[in-house]
């Protein structure tokens, strides 16, 4: 083989190698995010109502204390970019507790406490970052929401009826407490109260480190989403 032919062969393989590297850099993250990890779960919403739910108001009314029950979920949702590929990071937990006090047609008190160390996603390295430098769950193991403004829903709704609620309270996250106002959807089933919605979170407001790490770049904000079911003891 002539020197010229060898030089051409070397250049050809160099070009092929560069193309392959480009495909790996772009295609690798694409395959990992969209094939290996799969699509992010849909935002949390109201739990499915019981198929046997009667379309009548409970004879016991709604007054009393309602406790957060099994099936309740709280989590985060943050947009991130990995090597130019957009992704949505989602972490959730069902380890939470709380209660709500209803007086007639008014929710006068409500609190929810979340075990932050139990929040997990579909990526263990993300969870390590979340528990470590981002949320520092060893120092700040819980997050708490407390209602500060009573909610008057007018009249006791019939079972199955949904209401849009404007909620104001304090959110304590990463050791910082801030006043938050947000919209949620509520449903009374006759035996349970279901509430779902999300709270916008700007990380700097709570002294939370930028979640970006390694090749992952995240936005400076996200949402805390929830789907709660409350029942009376």
C-alpha atoms as a PDB file:
ATOM      1  CA  UNK A   1       0.000   0.000   0.000  1.00  0.00           C
ATOM      2  CA  UNK A   2       1.372   3.408  -0.938  1.00  0.00           C
ATOM      3  CA  UNK A   3       2.085   6.139   1.595  1.00  0.00           C
ATOM      4  CA  UNK A   4      -0.733   8.190   0.109  1.00  0.00           C
ATOM      5  CA  UNK A   5      -3.193   5.285   0.495  1.00  0.00           C
ATOM      6  CA  UNK A   6      -2.120   4.726   4.095  1.00  0.00           C
ATOM      7  CA  UNK A   7      -2.624   8.423   4.846  1.00  0.00           C
ATOM      8  CA  UNK A   8      -6.098   8.326   3.271  1.00  0.00           C
ATOM      9  CA  UNK A   9      -7.018   5.185   5.258  1.00  0.00           C
ATOM     10  CA  UNK A  10      -5.838   6.813   8.495  1.00  0.00           C
ATOM     11  CA  UNK A  11      -7.892   9.952   7.811  1.00  0.00           C
ATOM     12  CA  UNK A  12     -10.945   7.883   6.925  1.00  0.00           C
ATOM     13  CA  UNK A  13     -10.781   5.961  10.198  1.00  0.00           C
ATOM     14  CA  UNK A  14     -10.249   9.207  12.091  1.00  0.00           C
ATOM     15  CA  UNK A  15     -13.419  10.642  10.542  1.00  0.00           C
ATOM     16  CA  UNK A  16     -15.327   7.439  11.279  1.00  0.00           C
ATOM     17  CA  UNK A  17     -14.076   7.531  14.860  1.00  0.00           C
ATOM     18  CA  UNK A  18     -15.154  11.136  15.322  1.00  0.00           C
ATOM     19  CA  UNK A  19     -18.602  10.361  13.921  1.00  0.00           C
ATOM     20  CA  UNK A  20     -18.920   7.347  16.213  1.00  0.00           C
ATOM     21  CA  UNK A  21     -17.890   9.478  19.190  1.00  0.00           C
ATOM     22  CA  UNK A  22     -20.472  12.093  18.269  1.00  0.00           C
ATOM     23  CA  UNK A  23     -23.169   9.464  17.990  1.00  0.00           C
ATOM     24  CA  UNK A  24     -22.154   8.035  21.374  1.00  0.00           C
ATOM     25  CA  UNK A  25     -22.188  11.438  23.075  1.00  0.00           C
ATOM     26  CA  UNK A  26     -25.591  12.406  21.679  1.00  0.00           C
ATOM     27  CA  UNK A  27     -27.195   9.016  21.161  1.00  0.00           C
ATOM     28  CA  UNK A  28     -25.950   7.488  24.416  1.00  0.00           C
ATOM     29  CA  UNK A  29     -27.796   9.922  26.712  1.00  0.00           C
ATOM     30  CA  UNK A  30     -30.843   9.793  24.408  1.00  0.00           C
ATOM     31  CA  UNK A  31     -31.028   5.999  24.655  1.00  0.00           C
ATOM     32  CA  UNK A  32     -30.370   6.063  28.397  1.00  0.00           C
ATOM     33  CA  UNK A  33     -33.038   8.679  29.120  1.00  0.00           C
ATOM     34  CA  UNK A  34     -35.728   7.551  26.693  1.00  0.00           C
ATOM     35  CA  UNK A  35     -35.134   3.790  26.573  1.00  0.00           C
ATOM     36  CA  UNK A  36     -33.351   2.680  29.737  1.00  0.00           C
ATOM     37  CA  UNK A  37     -34.927   5.147  32.184  1.00  0.00           C
ATOM     38  CA  UNK A  38     -38.172   5.587  30.251  1.00  0.00           C
ATOM     39  CA  UNK A  39     -40.544   8.520  30.416  1.00  0.00           C
ATOM     40  CA  UNK A  40     -41.077  10.325  33.709  1.00  0.00           C
ATOM     41  CA  UNK A  41     -44.311   9.430  35.516  1.00  0.00           C
ATOM     42  CA  UNK A  42     -47.244  11.768  35.001  1.00  0.00           C
ATOM     43  CA  UNK A  43     -47.785  14.544  37.562  1.00  0.00           C
ATOM     44  CA  UNK A  44     -49.594  13.425  40.688  1.00  0.00           C
ATOM     45  CA  UNK A  45     -53.364  13.837  40.553  1.00  0.00           C
ATOM     46  CA  UNK A  46     -56.452  12.831  42.506  1.00  0.00           C
ATOM     47  CA  UNK A  47     -56.634   9.143  43.343  1.00  0.00           C
ATOM     48  CA  UNK A  48     -59.251   7.166  41.419  1.00  0.00           C
ATOM     49  CA  UNK A  49     -62.600   7.312  43.243  1.00  0.00           C
ATOM     50  CA  UNK A  50     -64.047   4.073  44.566  1.00  0.00           C
ATOM     51  CA  UNK A  51     -66.253   2.302  42.029  1.00  0.00           C
ATOM     52  CA  UNK A  52     -68.876   1.884  44.727  1.00  0.00           C
ATOM     53  CA  UNK A  53     -68.919   5.538  45.752  1.00  0.00           C
ATOM     54  CA  UNK A  54     -72.449   6.794  46.326  1.00  0.00           C
ATOM     55  CA  UNK A  55     -73.422  10.170  44.925  1.00  0.00           C
ATOM     56  CA  UNK A  56     -74.814  11.374  48.226  1.00  0.00           C
ATOM     57  CA  UNK A  57     -73.564  13.364  51.173  1.00  0.00           C
ATOM     58  CA  UNK A  58     -72.496  11.360  54.220  1.00  0.00           C
ATOM     59  CA  UNK A  59     -75.008  11.530  57.071  1.00  0.00           C
ATOM     60  CA  UNK A  60     -72.043  12.191  59.382  1.00  0.00           C
ATOM     61  CA  UNK A  61     -71.118  15.316  57.442  1.00  0.00           C
ATOM     62  CA  UNK A  62     -67.503  16.355  57.075  1.00  0.00           C
ATOM     63  CA  UNK A  63     -66.823  17.914  60.487  1.00  0.00           C
ATOM     64  CA  UNK A  64     -64.064  16.343  62.534  1.00  0.00           C
ATOM     65  CA  UNK A  65     -60.426  15.385  62.218  1.00  0.00           C
ATOM     66  CA  UNK A  66     -59.239  13.654  59.059  1.00  0.00           C
ATOM     67  CA  UNK A  67     -55.929  11.787  58.967  1.00  0.00           C
ATOM     68  CA  UNK A  68     -53.557  11.329  56.021  1.00  0.00           C
ATOM     69  CA  UNK A  69     -54.142   7.745  54.904  1.00  0.00           C
ATOM     70  CA  UNK A  70     -52.444   5.001  52.934  1.00  0.00           C
ATOM     71  CA  UNK A  71     -52.016   5.792  49.254  1.00  0.00           C
ATOM     72  CA  UNK A  72     -50.913   9.386  49.845  1.00  0.00           C
ATOM     73  CA  UNK A  73     -47.788  10.449  47.918  1.00  0.00           C
ATOM     74  CA  UNK A  74     -45.540  13.518  47.925  1.00  0.00           C
ATOM     75  CA  UNK A  75     -42.591  14.184  45.641  1.00  0.00           C
ATOM     76  CA  UNK A  76     -40.601  16.550  43.469  1.00  0.00           C
ATOM     77  CA  UNK A  77     -40.463  17.235  39.730  1.00  0.00           C
ATOM     78  CA  UNK A  78     -37.498  19.072  38.203  1.00  0.00           C
ATOM     79  CA  UNK A  79     -36.436  19.598  34.582  1.00  0.00           C
ATOM     80  CA  UNK A  80     -32.837  18.657  33.788  1.00  0.00           C
ATOM     81  CA  UNK A  81     -30.521  18.369  30.786  1.00  0.00           C
ATOM     82  CA  UNK A  82     -28.031  15.527  30.242  1.00  0.00           C
ATOM     83  CA  UNK A  83     -25.602  16.087  27.334  1.00  0.00           C
ATOM     84  CA  UNK A  84     -28.174  18.242  25.564  1.00  0.00           C
ATOM     85  CA  UNK A  85     -31.057  15.820  26.134  1.00  0.00           C
ATOM     86  CA  UNK A  86     -34.035  17.148  28.106  1.00  0.00           C
ATOM     87  CA  UNK A  87     -35.327  15.009  30.944  1.00  0.00           C
ATOM     88  CA  UNK A  88     -37.688  15.325  33.903  1.00  0.00           C
ATOM     89  CA  UNK A  89     -36.394  14.117  37.260  1.00  0.00           C
ATOM     90  CA  UNK A  90     -39.087  12.794  39.580  1.00  0.00           C
ATOM     91  CA  UNK A  91     -38.715  11.539  43.153  1.00  0.00           C
ATOM     92  CA  UNK A  92     -41.505  10.407  45.447  1.00  0.00           C
ATOM     93  CA  UNK A  93     -42.342   8.963  48.845  1.00  0.00           C
ATOM     94  CA  UNK A  94     -45.408   7.609  50.601  1.00  0.00           C
ATOM     95  CA  UNK A  95     -43.854   8.033  54.050  1.00  0.00           C
ATOM     96  CA  UNK A  96     -45.812  10.997  55.345  1.00  0.00           C
ATOM     97  CA  UNK A  97     -48.290  11.867  58.052  1.00  0.00           C
ATOM     98  CA  UNK A  98     -50.712  14.644  58.818  1.00  0.00           C
ATOM     99  CA  UNK A  99     -54.243  15.688  59.605  1.00  0.00           C
ATOM    100  CA  UNK A 100     -56.970  18.146  58.709  1.00  0.00           C
ATOM    101  CA  UNK A 101     -59.663  19.616  60.951  1.00  0.00           C
ATOM    102  CA  UNK A 102     -63.026  20.452  59.366  1.00  0.00           C
ATOM    103  CA  UNK A 103     -65.620  22.622  61.114  1.00  0.00           C
ATOM    104  CA  UNK A 104     -68.839  22.516  59.104  1.00  0.00           C
ATOM    105  CA  UNK A 105     -67.871  23.906  55.707  1.00  0.00           C
ATOM    106  CA  UNK A 106     -64.479  25.227  56.798  1.00  0.00           C
ATOM    107  CA  UNK A 107     -61.067  23.592  56.909  1.00  0.00           C
ATOM    108  CA  UNK A 108     -59.648  25.329  59.966  1.00  0.00           C
ATOM    109  CA  UNK A 109     -56.379  23.443  60.385  1.00  0.00           C
ATOM    110  CA  UNK A 110     -54.157  21.164  58.322  1.00  0.00           C
ATOM    111  CA  UNK A 111     -50.596  19.874  58.581  1.00  0.00           C
ATOM    112  CA  UNK A 112     -48.545  17.410  56.546  1.00  0.00           C
ATOM    113  CA  UNK A 113     -45.069  16.114  57.430  1.00  0.00           C
ATOM    114  CA  UNK A 114     -42.880  14.268  54.916  1.00  0.00           C
ATOM    115  CA  UNK A 115     -39.931  11.932  55.589  1.00  0.00           C
ATOM    116  CA  UNK A 116     -37.454  13.483  53.146  1.00  0.00           C
ATOM    117  CA  UNK A 117     -34.846  10.739  53.488  1.00  0.00           C
ATOM    118  CA  UNK A 118     -37.333   8.256  52.013  1.00  0.00           C
ATOM    119  CA  UNK A 119     -37.786  10.179  48.746  1.00  0.00           C
ATOM    120  CA  UNK A 120     -36.461   8.080  45.850  1.00  0.00           C
ATOM    121  CA  UNK A 121     -36.267   8.373  42.064  1.00  0.00           C
ATOM    122  CA  UNK A 122     -35.328   5.944  39.294  1.00  0.00           C
ATOM    123  CA  UNK A 123     -31.650   6.870  39.592  1.00  0.00           C
ATOM    124  CA  UNK A 124     -29.579   5.974  42.688  1.00  0.00           C
ATOM    125  CA  UNK A 125     -26.897   8.582  41.944  1.00  0.00           C
ATOM    126  CA  UNK A 126     -29.559  11.294  41.869  1.00  0.00           C
ATOM    127  CA  UNK A 127     -30.884  10.035  45.205  1.00  0.00           C
ATOM    128  CA  UNK A 128     -27.382  10.193  46.718  1.00  0.00           C
ATOM    129  CA  UNK A 129     -27.083  13.807  45.626  1.00  0.00           C
ATOM    130  CA  UNK A 130     -30.600  14.552  46.897  1.00  0.00           C
ATOM    131  CA  UNK A 131     -29.922  13.116  50.370  1.00  0.00           C
ATOM    132  CA  UNK A 132     -26.422  14.577  50.524  1.00  0.00           C
ATOM    133  CA  UNK A 133     -25.419  18.052  49.401  1.00  0.00           C
ATOM    134  CA  UNK A 134     -28.833  19.077  47.990  1.00  0.00           C
ATOM    135  CA  UNK A 135     -31.388  18.394  50.732  1.00  0.00           C
ATOM    136  CA  UNK A 136     -28.991  17.326  53.524  1.00  0.00           C
ATOM    137  CA  UNK A 137     -31.611  14.955  54.906  1.00  0.00           C
ATOM    138  CA  UNK A 138     -29.385  13.889  57.815  1.00  0.00           C
ATOM    139  CA  UNK A 139     -29.661  17.463  59.104  1.00  0.00           C
ATOM    140  CA  UNK A 140     -33.140  18.265  57.781  1.00  0.00           C
ATOM    141  CA  UNK A 141     -34.998  14.915  57.833  1.00  0.00           C
ATOM    142  CA  UNK A 142     -38.518  16.276  57.348  1.00  0.00           C
ATOM    143  CA  UNK A 143     -40.486  18.845  55.392  1.00  0.00           C
ATOM    144  CA  UNK A 144     -43.715  20.274  56.796  1.00  0.00           C
ATOM    145  CA  UNK A 145     -46.674  22.193  55.464  1.00  0.00           C
ATOM    146  CA  UNK A 146     -49.076  23.978  57.848  1.00  0.00           C
ATOM    147  CA  UNK A 147     -52.272  25.742  56.799  1.00  0.00           C
ATOM    148  CA  UNK A 148     -52.352  29.372  57.977  1.00  0.00           C
ATOM    149  CA  UNK A 149     -55.566  30.591  56.348  1.00  0.00           C
ATOM    150  CA  UNK A 150     -58.846  28.756  56.834  1.00  0.00           C
ATOM    151  CA  UNK A 151     -60.504  27.415  53.698  1.00  0.00           C
ATOM    152  CA  UNK A 152     -64.251  27.943  53.398  1.00  0.00           C
ATOM    153  CA  UNK A 153     -65.738  25.623  50.780  1.00  0.00           C
ATOM    154  CA  UNK A 154     -69.261  27.056  51.160  1.00  0.00           C
ATOM    155  CA  UNK A 155     -71.332  23.936  51.715  1.00  0.00           C
ATOM    156  CA  UNK A 156     -70.727  20.247  52.296  1.00  0.00           C
ATOM    157  CA  UNK A 157     -70.217  18.783  48.811  1.00  0.00           C
ATOM    158  CA  UNK A 158     -71.938  15.675  47.557  1.00  0.00           C
ATOM    159  CA  UNK A 159     -69.808  12.568  47.183  1.00  0.00           C
ATOM    160  CA  UNK A 160     -67.817  12.712  43.973  1.00  0.00           C
ATOM    161  CA  UNK A 161     -67.910  16.477  43.683  1.00  0.00           C
ATOM    162  CA  UNK A 162     -64.602  18.224  42.954  1.00  0.00           C
ATOM    163  CA  UNK A 163     -63.623  21.668  44.121  1.00  0.00           C
ATOM    164  CA  UNK A 164     -60.724  23.948  43.232  1.00  0.00           C
ATOM    165  CA  UNK A 165     -59.097  25.192  46.418  1.00  0.00           C
ATOM    166  CA  UNK A 166     -56.841  28.198  46.977  1.00  0.00           C
ATOM    167  CA  UNK A 167     -54.484  27.238  49.801  1.00  0.00           C
ATOM    168  CA  UNK A 168     -52.169  29.420  51.886  1.00  0.00           C
ATOM    169  CA  UNK A 169     -49.763  28.154  54.515  1.00  0.00           C
ATOM    170  CA  UNK A 170     -46.144  27.819  55.551  1.00  0.00           C
ATOM    171  CA  UNK A 171     -43.773  25.332  53.982  1.00  0.00           C
ATOM    172  CA  UNK A 172     -40.689  24.315  55.931  1.00  0.00           C
ATOM    173  CA  UNK A 173     -38.100  22.777  53.628  1.00  0.00           C
ATOM    174  CA  UNK A 174     -34.362  22.308  54.208  1.00  0.00           C
ATOM    175  CA  UNK A 175     -34.740  24.135  57.517  1.00  0.00           C
ATOM    176  CA  UNK A 176     -36.236  27.280  55.950  1.00  0.00           C
ATOM    177  CA  UNK A 177     -39.864  28.345  56.370  1.00  0.00           C
ATOM    178  CA  UNK A 178     -41.675  30.317  53.687  1.00  0.00           C
ATOM    179  CA  UNK A 179     -45.290  31.352  53.089  1.00  0.00           C
ATOM    180  CA  UNK A 180     -46.761  29.676  50.020  1.00  0.00           C
ATOM    181  CA  UNK A 181     -50.044  30.075  48.160  1.00  0.00           C
ATOM    182  CA  UNK A 182     -51.114  27.560  45.545  1.00  0.00           C
ATOM    183  CA  UNK A 183     -54.102  25.920  43.886  1.00  0.00           C
ATOM    184  CA  UNK A 184     -55.200  22.340  44.543  1.00  0.00           C
ATOM    185  CA  UNK A 185     -58.088  20.118  43.513  1.00  0.00           C
ATOM    186  CA  UNK A 186     -60.197  18.451  46.185  1.00  0.00           C
ATOM    187  CA  UNK A 187     -62.762  15.665  46.063  1.00  0.00           C
ATOM    188  CA  UNK A 188     -65.075  14.354  48.784  1.00  0.00           C
ATOM    189  CA  UNK A 189     -65.959  10.686  48.303  1.00  0.00           C
ATOM    190  CA  UNK A 190     -68.335  10.288  51.231  1.00  0.00           C
ATOM    191  CA  UNK A 191     -65.747   8.354  53.240  1.00  0.00           C
ATOM    192  CA  UNK A 192     -62.536  10.170  52.302  1.00  0.00           C
ATOM    193  CA  UNK A 193     -61.203  13.531  51.204  1.00  0.00           C
ATOM    194  CA  UNK A 194     -58.707  13.588  48.323  1.00  0.00           C
ATOM    195  CA  UNK A 195     -56.487  16.570  47.546  1.00  0.00           C
ATOM    196  CA  UNK A 196     -53.897  16.923  44.759  1.00  0.00           C
ATOM    197  CA  UNK A 197     -51.773  19.756  43.446  1.00  0.00           C
ATOM    198  CA  UNK A 198     -48.290  21.205  43.319  1.00  0.00           C
ATOM    199  CA  UNK A 199     -46.269  23.969  44.962  1.00  0.00           C
ATOM    200  CA  UNK A 200     -43.679  25.891  42.901  1.00  0.00           C
ATOM    201  CA  UNK A 201     -40.271  25.823  44.600  1.00  0.00           C
ATOM    202  CA  UNK A 202     -37.314  28.117  43.877  1.00  0.00           C
ATOM    203  CA  UNK A 203     -34.326  26.376  45.428  1.00  0.00           C
ATOM    204  CA  UNK A 204     -32.504  29.524  46.545  1.00  0.00           C
ATOM    205  CA  UNK A 205     -35.527  30.549  48.640  1.00  0.00           C
ATOM    206  CA  UNK A 206     -34.880  27.543  50.872  1.00  0.00           C
ATOM    207  CA  UNK A 207     -31.089  27.626  50.832  1.00  0.00           C
ATOM    208  CA  UNK A 208     -30.993  24.501  48.660  1.00  0.00           C
ATOM    209  CA  UNK A 209     -27.829  23.919  46.638  1.00  0.00           C
ATOM    210  CA  UNK A 210     -28.122  23.894  42.847  1.00  0.00           C
ATOM    211  CA  UNK A 211     -29.145  20.298  42.046  1.00  0.00           C
ATOM    212  CA  UNK A 212     -26.842  20.179  38.980  1.00  0.00           C
ATOM    213  CA  UNK A 213     -24.077  17.573  39.221  1.00  0.00           C
ATOM    214  CA  UNK A 214     -21.620  15.977  36.804  1.00  0.00           C
ATOM    215  CA  UNK A 215     -23.062  16.046  33.271  1.00  0.00           C
ATOM    216  CA  UNK A 216     -26.537  16.917  34.590  1.00  0.00           C
ATOM    217  CA  UNK A 217     -27.737  20.533  34.559  1.00  0.00           C
ATOM    218  CA  UNK A 218     -31.025  21.390  36.249  1.00  0.00           C
ATOM    219  CA  UNK A 219     -33.210  24.466  36.383  1.00  0.00           C
ATOM    220  CA  UNK A 220     -33.094  26.665  39.486  1.00  0.00           C
ATOM    221  CA  UNK A 221     -36.661  25.727  40.371  1.00  0.00           C
ATOM    222  CA  UNK A 222     -39.063  22.804  40.421  1.00  0.00           C
ATOM    223  CA  UNK A 223     -42.338  21.747  41.987  1.00  0.00           C
ATOM    224  CA  UNK A 224     -43.334  19.841  45.078  1.00  0.00           C
ATOM    225  CA  UNK A 225     -46.310  17.713  44.005  1.00  0.00           C
ATOM    226  CA  UNK A 226     -48.750  15.780  46.146  1.00  0.00           C
ATOM    227  CA  UNK A 227     -51.751  13.478  46.069  1.00  0.00           C
ATOM    228  CA  UNK A 228     -53.312  13.011  49.497  1.00  0.00           C
ATOM    229  CA  UNK A 229     -56.110  10.834  50.778  1.00  0.00           C
ATOM    230  CA  UNK A 230     -57.525  11.645  54.216  1.00  0.00           C
ATOM    231  CA  UNK A 231     -59.944   9.530  56.243  1.00  0.00           C
ATOM    232  CA  UNK A 232     -61.529   9.768  59.668  1.00  0.00           C
ATOM    233  CA  UNK A 233     -60.343   7.299  62.321  1.00  0.00           C
END
